Amino acid sequence: MPNRLRSLQAKLTLAFLGVALVAVGVLGLLVGRASSGAFEEYLMGRRTGDLGAMDRMMDEMMGSRASRAAMEQMFGPAERAYLEAITDSLWIGGLVAALAAVGLGLLFARRISSPLRDLTLAARRLGAGDFEGRVPVSGRRDELGELAEAFNSMAEAVGRQETLRRRMAADIAHELRTPLAVIQANLEAMLDGVRPLSVEEVADVHRETRLLSRLITDLRDLSLAETGQLPLRKGATNLAALARTSVARFASRAKERGVRLAVEIAEDLPRAEVDPHRIDQVLGNLLDNALRHAPPGGEVAVSLKPVAQHDGVSVTVRDTGRGIPEEHLPNVFERFYRADPARSREGGGSGIGLAVVKQLIEAHGGRVWAESIPGKGATFGFSLPTEPGDPNPSRSPRNTVTGGLTG
């Protein structure tokens, strides 16, 4: 590749030189002929004193070689010296122009080929797995500078995706290893007679298989949603009824943990054009996440209200847990991301649920967000577009479901 780059530099230099030589040659030819003709007219007019006779003589002389020879005999040493000086000046000017063309050609060719050389080397490093290599922009604002900036942006994106891919592979292995290890250990203990083959022991194994199945399902949904291949069966959906159903499904779990569940639904809530199964999945993931972090005696509140300025519906799930540090908020919807460095399954889940929430909501044309005040809980929300031209919004009064409250 360096030889090709040097040949590109040589080609550009030769191109500048060729242009200069052609320009000098054409200019010299035109100037030489024009100066010779003008000088001949001057001599003829001076010697005859008759411009009309001079024109006729020039016509006759231009028509035959003999006349041209006679004209040349009229030139004296001074006239010949003058024409030779003009010719020499043209040659010297052409030589100077050629040298200038070579110098400028080398300079410009180097300025063009040097960024391309840097870009080639950086591309080779990127292909070899070095995702930290960047092309120096050096304040360039031309097309090569834009190309360098585009390459740097691409390299940064590729490096970020590669980091996420490696982390995802490690996290998937970590998440699958834990339930499989529990299942294997329990089954081996039962086979060896260490643990009794009872309904309770089988229920523990079954719980781990359900966790494993849910993780695999979430990974599949996430992959399909990211590639835009997740099927959505949209229809006009009453989000108020859907939210009540989702909350009721978690009521027993909230009661066990001593957490109060509340649903607040605004009046005149419009219907949304969504896939009810997928939105129920979103609410389930958010409620599961909130109940995991809400302390005993705390509260998890689900709120639904219309967003008039955006022609949509806003849904939030708020808990009264420890909250999320501000530096972690931008990453909470990344797959396998946990603010807890200990990566506890009980405290942090599998790290897939919120990523699935983000992809499912964006597949519906909505958006997600997260807000938190450390020590006072966190709020996860999403907005969905309403049904186009919905003239009959579902009127739902405010409602509260209590899942249990302990002192």
Protein backbone atom coordinates (compact mmCIF):
# COMPACT_ATOMS: atom_id res chain seq x y z
CA MET A 1 0.00 0.00 0.00
CA PRO A 2 2.83 2.57 0.69
CA ASN A 3 4.14 2.01 -2.88
CA ARG A 4 0.67 2.76 -4.19
CA LEU A 5 0.52 5.87 -2.09
CA ARG A 6 3.92 6.99 -3.40
CA SER A 7 2.74 6.34 -6.95
CA LEU A 8 -0.31 8.44 -6.23
CA GLN A 9 1.97 11.23 -5.06
CA ALA A 10 4.12 10.82 -8.20
CA LYS A 11 1.05 10.84 -10.42
CA LEU A 12 -0.21 14.03 -8.83
CA THR A 13 3.22 15.64 -9.21
CA LEU A 14 3.44 14.61 -12.87
CA ALA A 15 -0.06 15.90 -13.41
CA PHE A 16 0.91 19.34 -12.08
CA LEU A 17 4.09 19.29 -14.17
CA GLY A 18 2.25 18.20 -17.31
CA VAL A 19 -0.32 20.93 -16.92
CA ALA A 20 2.44 23.52 -16.45
CA LEU A 21 4.42 22.32 -19.48
CA VAL A 22 1.38 22.23 -21.74
CA ALA A 23 0.40 25.70 -20.60
CA VAL A 24 3.92 27.05 -21.15
CA GLY A 25 4.20 25.34 -24.55
CA VAL A 26 0.90 26.68 -25.81
CA LEU A 27 1.66 30.13 -24.42
CA GLY A 28 5.16 30.12 -25.93
CA LEU A 29 3.85 29.04 -29.33
CA LEU A 30 1.18 31.72 -29.39
CA VAL A 31 3.46 34.45 -28.06
CA GLY A 32 6.28 33.45 -30.45
CA ARG A 33 4.08 33.58 -33.50
CA ALA A 34 2.39 36.77 -32.44
CA SER A 35 5.68 38.51 -31.65
CA SER A 36 7.32 37.35 -34.87
CA GLY A 37 4.38 38.50 -36.97
CA ALA A 38 4.18 41.85 -35.21
CA PHE A 39 7.92 42.35 -35.58
CA GLU A 40 7.80 41.54 -39.28
CA GLU A 41 4.99 44.03 -39.79
CA TYR A 42 7.01 46.63 -37.96
CA LEU A 43 10.05 46.05 -40.16
CA MET A 44 8.11 46.11 -43.39
CA GLY A 45 6.28 49.26 -42.46
CA ARG A 46 9.51 50.96 -41.48
CA ARG A 47 11.35 50.06 -44.67
CA THR A 48 8.62 50.86 -47.18
CA GLY A 49 6.75 53.62 -45.38
CA ASP A 50 3.57 52.39 -47.04
CA LEU A 51 1.23 50.36 -44.86
CA GLY A 52 -0.84 49.28 -47.86
CA ALA A 53 2.23 48.09 -49.73
CA MET A 54 3.41 46.41 -46.51
CA ASP A 55 0.16 44.44 -46.26
CA ARG A 56 0.40 43.28 -49.87
CA MET A 57 4.02 42.32 -49.37
CA MET A 58 3.17 40.37 -46.23
CA ASP A 59 0.41 38.51 -48.10
CA GLU A 60 2.83 37.61 -50.89
CA MET A 61 5.53 36.62 -48.44
CA MET A 62 3.17 34.41 -46.41
CA GLY A 63 2.17 32.62 -49.63
CA SER A 64 5.59 31.28 -50.69
CA ARG A 65 8.79 30.01 -49.15
CA ALA A 66 10.86 32.24 -51.40
CA SER A 67 9.15 35.29 -50.03
CA ARG A 68 9.77 34.02 -46.50
CA ALA A 69 13.49 33.60 -47.31
CA ALA A 70 13.58 37.11 -48.74
CA MET A 71 11.95 38.41 -45.62
CA GLU A 72 14.52 36.68 -43.44
CA GLN A 73 17.31 38.35 -45.49
CA MET A 74 15.89 41.72 -44.54
CA PHE A 75 16.61 40.98 -40.86
CA GLY A 76 19.78 42.46 -39.55
CA PRO A 77 21.83 41.37 -36.51
CA ALA A 78 19.78 43.57 -34.18
CA GLU A 79 16.50 42.08 -35.37
CA ARG A 80 17.81 38.54 -35.08
CA ALA A 81 19.14 39.25 -31.59
CA TYR A 82 15.74 40.60 -30.59
CA LEU A 83 13.92 37.47 -31.78
CA GLU A 84 16.50 35.19 -30.14
CA ALA A 85 16.07 37.11 -26.86
CA ILE A 86 12.31 36.55 -27.02
CA THR A 87 12.83 32.83 -27.71
CA ASP A 88 15.35 32.48 -24.88
CA SER A 89 13.02 34.30 -22.51
CA LEU A 90 10.24 31.89 -23.40
CA TRP A 91 12.48 28.87 -22.74
CA ILE A 92 13.72 30.29 -19.45
CA GLY A 93 10.16 31.13 -18.41
CA GLY A 94 9.06 27.62 -19.33
CA LEU A 95 11.91 26.10 -17.29
CA VAL A 96 11.07 28.25 -14.28
CA ALA A 97 7.39 27.35 -14.63
CA ALA A 98 8.28 23.65 -14.85
CA LEU A 99 10.40 23.85 -11.69
CA ALA A 100 7.65 25.74 -9.90
CA ALA A 101 5.15 23.13 -11.06
CA VAL A 102 7.35 20.35 -9.70
CA GLY A 103 7.71 22.10 -6.33
CA LEU A 104 4.04 22.92 -6.02
CA GLY A 105 3.12 19.47 -7.29
CA LEU A 106 5.24 17.81 -4.62
CA LEU A 107 3.77 20.07 -1.94
CA PHE A 108 0.14 19.60 -2.94
CA ALA A 109 0.57 15.90 -3.68
CA ARG A 110 2.08 15.41 -0.24
CA ARG A 111 -0.78 17.30 1.39
CA ILE A 112 -3.26 15.08 -0.43
CA SER A 113 -1.50 11.73 -0.03
CA SER A 114 -0.37 12.18 3.59
CA PRO A 115 -3.92 12.13 5.04
CA LEU A 116 -4.74 9.16 2.82
CA ARG A 117 -1.65 7.35 4.13
CA ASP A 118 -2.73 8.07 7.72
CA LEU A 119 -6.24 6.88 6.90
CA THR A 120 -4.91 3.66 5.37
CA LEU A 121 -2.71 2.88 8.37
CA ALA A 122 -5.56 3.60 10.77
CA ALA A 123 -7.90 1.37 8.75
CA ARG A 124 -5.33 -1.43 8.87
CA ARG A 125 -5.03 -1.04 12.64
CA LEU A 126 -8.80 -1.07 12.97
CA GLY A 127 -8.99 -4.24 10.91
CA ALA A 128 -6.33 -5.81 13.16
CA GLY A 129 -8.41 -5.12 16.27
CA ASP A 130 -6.90 -1.84 17.44
CA PHE A 131 -10.03 0.22 18.09
CA GLU A 132 -8.16 3.10 19.70
CA GLY A 133 -6.46 4.32 16.52
CA ARG A 134 -7.61 7.66 15.17
CA VAL A 135 -6.72 9.78 12.14
CA PRO A 136 -5.33 13.26 12.93
CA VAL A 137 -7.61 15.92 11.54
CA SER A 138 -5.04 18.74 11.98
CA GLY A 139 -7.59 21.50 11.60
CA ARG A 140 -8.46 20.55 8.02
CA ARG A 141 -11.85 21.76 6.88
CA ASP A 142 -11.83 20.30 3.38
CA GLU A 143 -13.14 16.98 2.08
CA LEU A 144 -10.12 15.09 3.46
CA GLY A 145 -10.76 16.59 6.89
CA GLU A 146 -14.39 15.50 6.70
CA LEU A 147 -13.25 12.04 5.63
CA ALA A 148 -10.90 11.85 8.64
CA GLU A 149 -13.66 12.95 11.02
CA ALA A 150 -16.06 10.41 9.51
CA PHE A 151 -13.47 7.65 9.90
CA ASN A 152 -12.83 8.62 13.53
CA SER A 153 -16.56 8.57 14.25
CA MET A 154 -16.86 5.18 12.58
CA ALA A 155 -13.87 3.81 14.53
CA GLU A 156 -15.36 5.06 17.78
CA ALA A 157 -18.72 3.46 16.99
CA VAL A 158 -17.06 0.17 15.97
CA GLY A 159 -14.99 0.17 19.14
CA ARG A 160 -18.04 0.85 21.27
CA GLN A 161 -20.01 -1.92 19.56
CA GLU A 162 -17.11 -4.33 19.93
CA THR A 163 -16.88 -3.54 23.64
CA LEU A 164 -20.61 -4.08 24.01
CA ARG A 165 -20.39 -7.34 22.06
CA ARG A 166 -17.60 -8.71 24.23
CA ARG A 167 -19.34 -7.59 27.40
CA MET A 168 -22.61 -9.08 26.16
CA ALA A 169 -20.96 -12.44 25.44
CA ALA A 170 -19.38 -12.47 28.90
CA ASP A 171 -22.63 -11.39 30.55
CA ILE A 172 -24.70 -13.99 28.71
CA ALA A 173 -22.28 -16.69 29.82
CA HIS A 174 -22.47 -15.34 33.38
CA GLU A 175 -26.26 -15.18 33.42
CA LEU A 176 -26.71 -18.65 31.93
CA ARG A 177 -24.08 -20.22 34.15
CA THR A 178 -25.78 -19.30 37.43
CA PRO A 179 -29.19 -20.99 36.94
CA LEU A 180 -27.58 -23.94 35.18
CA ALA A 181 -25.16 -24.40 38.07
CA VAL A 182 -28.02 -24.28 40.58
CA ILE A 183 -30.08 -26.78 38.58
CA GLN A 184 -27.10 -29.10 38.19
CA ALA A 185 -26.16 -28.93 41.86
CA ASN A 186 -29.70 -29.59 43.04
CA LEU A 187 -30.20 -32.52 40.68
CA GLU A 188 -26.86 -34.08 41.62
CA ALA A 189 -27.69 -33.71 45.30
CA MET A 190 -31.03 -35.43 44.74
CA LEU A 191 -29.40 -38.25 42.75
CA ASP A 192 -26.78 -38.78 45.46
CA GLY A 193 -29.43 -38.80 48.18
CA VAL A 194 -28.00 -35.70 49.85
CA ARG A 195 -31.24 -33.82 49.36
CA PRO A 196 -34.67 -35.46 49.46
CA LEU A 197 -36.69 -35.77 46.29
CA SER A 198 -39.56 -33.64 47.53
CA VAL A 199 -41.98 -31.19 46.00
CA GLU A 200 -40.12 -28.29 47.61
CA GLU A 201 -36.79 -29.35 46.12
CA VAL A 202 -38.30 -29.87 42.69
CA ALA A 203 -39.96 -26.45 42.99
CA ASP A 204 -36.53 -24.85 43.54
CA VAL A 205 -35.25 -26.49 40.37
CA HIS A 206 -38.36 -25.46 38.50
CA ARG A 207 -37.89 -21.86 39.65
CA GLU A 208 -34.39 -21.80 38.18
CA THR A 209 -35.61 -23.29 34.90
CA ARG A 210 -38.25 -20.56 34.69
CA LEU A 211 -35.59 -17.94 35.29
CA LEU A 212 -33.43 -19.49 32.60
CA SER A 213 -36.35 -19.64 30.17
CA ARG A 214 -37.23 -16.00 30.83
CA LEU A 215 -33.64 -14.92 30.25
CA ILE A 216 -33.51 -16.74 26.92
CA THR A 217 -36.87 -15.27 25.89
CA ASP A 218 -35.71 -11.76 26.80
CA LEU A 219 -32.53 -12.21 24.79
CA ARG A 220 -34.54 -13.38 21.79
CA ASP A 221 -36.97 -10.47 22.04
CA LEU A 222 -34.12 -8.02 22.44
CA SER A 223 -32.31 -9.36 19.41
CA LEU A 224 -35.44 -9.25 17.25
CA ALA A 225 -36.34 -5.75 18.41
CA GLU A 226 -32.85 -4.41 17.72
CA THR A 227 -32.94 -5.76 14.17
CA GLY A 228 -36.49 -4.53 13.56
CA GLN A 229 -37.87 -8.06 13.11
CA LEU A 230 -40.01 -8.27 16.24
CA PRO A 231 -43.63 -8.85 15.16
CA LEU A 232 -46.09 -6.37 16.66
CA ARG A 233 -49.85 -6.93 16.62
CA LYS A 234 -51.03 -3.40 17.16
CA GLY A 235 -54.54 -2.38 17.95
CA ALA A 236 -56.50 0.27 19.84
CA THR A 237 -55.68 -0.60 23.45
CA ASN A 238 -57.15 0.60 26.73
CA LEU A 239 -53.94 1.26 28.67
CA ALA A 240 -55.87 1.84 31.90
CA ALA A 241 -57.25 -1.70 31.92
CA LEU A 242 -53.88 -3.08 30.83
CA ALA A 243 -52.10 -1.30 33.69
CA ARG A 244 -54.60 -2.59 36.27
CA THR A 245 -54.14 -6.14 35.03
CA SER A 246 -50.35 -5.86 35.18
CA VAL A 247 -50.41 -4.42 38.70
CA ALA A 248 -52.84 -7.07 39.92
CA ARG A 249 -50.44 -9.75 38.71
CA PHE A 250 -47.75 -8.40 41.08
CA ALA A 251 -50.07 -7.81 44.04
CA SER A 252 -49.17 -11.02 45.88
CA ARG A 253 -45.46 -10.43 45.43
CA ALA A 254 -45.81 -6.88 46.70
CA LYS A 255 -47.73 -8.16 49.72
CA GLU A 256 -44.96 -10.64 50.51
CA ARG A 257 -42.37 -7.86 50.45
CA GLY A 258 -44.57 -5.44 52.37
CA VAL A 259 -44.68 -2.94 49.53
CA ARG A 260 -47.69 -0.82 48.66
CA LEU A 261 -48.76 -0.87 45.01
CA ALA A 262 -50.63 2.16 43.66
CA VAL A 263 -52.15 2.93 40.28
CA GLU A 264 -52.99 6.49 39.31
CA ILE A 265 -54.87 6.90 36.03
CA ALA A 266 -55.90 10.31 34.72
CA GLU A 267 -59.36 10.89 33.35
CA ASP A 268 -59.92 11.08 29.59
CA LEU A 269 -56.96 8.81 28.92
CA PRO A 270 -56.90 8.13 25.17
CA ARG A 271 -56.44 4.72 23.67
CA ALA A 272 -53.04 3.84 22.25
CA GLU A 273 -52.23 2.01 19.03
CA VAL A 274 -49.96 -0.66 20.53
CA ASP A 275 -49.41 -4.37 20.89
CA PRO A 276 -51.05 -5.08 24.29
CA HIS A 277 -48.94 -8.19 24.89
CA ARG A 278 -45.69 -6.27 24.44
CA ILE A 279 -46.81 -3.31 26.54
CA ASP A 280 -47.87 -5.73 29.26
CA GLN A 281 -44.36 -7.17 29.02
CA VAL A 282 -42.92 -3.66 29.41
CA LEU A 283 -45.05 -2.95 32.48
CA GLY A 284 -44.12 -6.33 33.94
CA ASN A 285 -40.40 -5.62 33.54
CA LEU A 286 -40.71 -2.17 35.11
CA LEU A 287 -42.83 -3.46 38.02
CA ASP A 288 -40.42 -6.33 38.60
CA ASN A 289 -37.52 -3.89 38.65
CA ALA A 290 -39.33 -1.49 41.00
CA LEU A 291 -40.38 -4.21 43.47
CA ARG A 292 -36.83 -5.50 43.64
CA HIS A 293 -35.57 -2.11 44.78
CA ALA A 294 -38.47 -0.91 46.92
CA PRO A 295 -37.77 -1.56 50.63
CA PRO A 296 -40.34 -3.15 53.00
CA GLY A 297 -42.84 -0.48 53.88
CA GLY A 298 -42.11 1.36 50.64
CA GLU A 299 -44.30 2.09 47.67
CA VAL A 300 -44.41 1.43 43.95
CA ALA A 301 -46.71 3.75 42.02
CA VAL A 302 -47.83 3.40 38.40
CA SER A 303 -49.11 6.60 36.80
CA LEU A 304 -50.82 7.08 33.44
CA LYS A 305 -51.69 10.45 31.96
CA PRO A 306 -52.18 12.01 28.53
CA VAL A 307 -49.49 14.19 27.01
CA ALA A 308 -51.40 16.76 25.00
CA GLN A 309 -48.42 18.59 23.50
CA HIS A 310 -47.01 15.33 22.13
CA ASP A 311 -50.36 13.68 21.31
CA GLY A 312 -49.55 10.61 23.35
CA VAL A 313 -49.78 8.81 26.69
CA SER A 314 -47.14 8.95 29.41
CA VAL A 315 -46.65 5.98 31.77
CA THR A 316 -44.33 6.09 34.79
CA VAL A 317 -43.37 3.50 37.40
CA ARG A 318 -41.92 5.03 40.58
CA ASP A 319 -40.37 3.28 43.57
CA THR A 320 -39.14 4.54 46.94
CA GLY A 321 -35.86 2.64 46.96
CA ARG A 322 -32.29 3.87 47.24
CA GLY A 323 -32.37 5.49 43.81
CA ILE A 324 -29.74 5.47 41.08
CA PRO A 325 -26.55 7.58 41.13
CA GLU A 326 -26.58 10.26 38.47
CA GLU A 327 -23.57 8.87 36.63
CA HIS A 328 -25.40 5.58 36.03
CA LEU A 329 -28.64 7.03 34.66
CA PRO A 330 -27.49 7.30 31.00
CA ASN A 331 -26.66 3.58 30.97
CA VAL A 332 -29.59 1.97 32.79
CA PHE A 333 -31.25 0.89 29.53
CA GLU A 334 -28.08 -0.82 28.23
CA ARG A 335 -28.18 -4.59 28.14
CA PHE A 336 -26.64 -6.34 31.17
CA TYR A 337 -25.89 -3.00 32.81
CA ARG A 338 -26.09 -2.85 36.56
CA ALA A 339 -25.33 0.08 38.81
CA ASP A 340 -24.44 -2.48 41.48
CA PRO A 341 -20.78 -3.45 40.93
CA ALA A 342 -21.36 -6.69 42.83
CA ARG A 343 -23.72 -7.80 40.01
CA SER A 344 -26.11 -9.42 42.47
CA ARG A 345 -28.92 -11.28 40.74
CA GLU A 346 -31.30 -10.73 43.62
CA GLY A 347 -30.61 -7.02 43.80
CA GLY A 348 -30.05 -6.27 40.16
CA GLY A 349 -31.86 -8.84 38.07
CA SER A 350 -30.43 -10.20 34.86
CA GLY A 351 -29.73 -6.77 33.36
CA ILE A 352 -31.93 -7.53 30.33
CA GLY A 353 -35.33 -6.25 31.42
CA LEU A 354 -34.74 -2.52 30.99
CA ALA A 355 -32.99 -3.07 27.65
CA VAL A 356 -36.05 -4.99 26.47
CA VAL A 357 -38.26 -2.13 27.69
CA LYS A 358 -36.31 0.39 25.64
CA GLN A 359 -36.39 -1.68 22.46
CA LEU A 360 -40.09 -2.53 22.73
CA ILE A 361 -41.12 1.07 23.35
CA GLU A 362 -38.98 2.38 20.49
CA ALA A 363 -40.47 -0.32 18.25
CA HIS A 364 -43.85 1.31 19.00
CA GLY A 365 -42.53 4.75 18.08
CA GLY A 366 -42.29 5.87 21.71
CA ARG A 367 -39.44 6.87 23.99
CA VAL A 368 -38.16 5.90 27.44
CA TRP A 369 -36.47 7.81 30.24
CA ALA A 370 -35.23 7.39 33.79
CA GLU A 371 -35.09 9.86 36.66
CA SER A 372 -33.77 9.42 40.15
CA ILE A 373 -32.90 11.24 43.34
CA PRO A 374 -30.39 9.15 45.32
CA GLY A 375 -31.94 8.06 48.56
CA LYS A 376 -35.49 8.88 47.43
CA GLY A 377 -36.17 6.31 44.73
CA ALA A 378 -36.22 6.13 40.95
CA THR A 379 -38.80 6.71 38.24
CA PHE A 380 -38.86 4.90 34.91
CA GLY A 381 -41.21 6.20 32.25
CA PHE A 382 -42.21 5.79 28.66
CA SER A 383 -44.53 7.54 26.23
CA LEU A 384 -46.62 6.02 23.48
CA PRO A 385 -48.47 7.55 20.53
CA THR A 386 -52.24 7.59 20.81
CA GLU A 387 -54.66 6.03 18.37
CA PRO A 388 -54.97 8.36 15.35
CA GLY A 389 -58.21 10.32 15.46
CA ASP A 390 -59.48 8.65 18.63
CA PRO A 391 -62.80 10.41 19.33
CA ASN A 392 -63.75 8.30 22.36
CA PRO A 393 -61.02 8.25 24.97
CA SER A 394 -61.44 5.76 27.76
CA ARG A 395 -62.59 7.55 30.86
CA SER A 396 -60.87 5.90 33.82
CA PRO A 397 -61.17 7.24 37.37
CA ARG A 398 -58.16 7.34 39.64
CA ASN A 399 -57.60 4.00 41.31
CA THR A 400 -55.27 2.59 43.96
CA VAL A 401 -54.38 -1.04 44.51
CA THR A 402 -52.77 -1.91 47.83
CA GLY A 403 -50.37 -4.78 47.78
CA GLY A 404 -49.67 -4.72 51.47
CA LEU A 405 -48.08 -2.34 53.93
CA THR A 406 -46.08 -3.33 56.97
CA GLY A 407 -44.65 -1.20 59.66
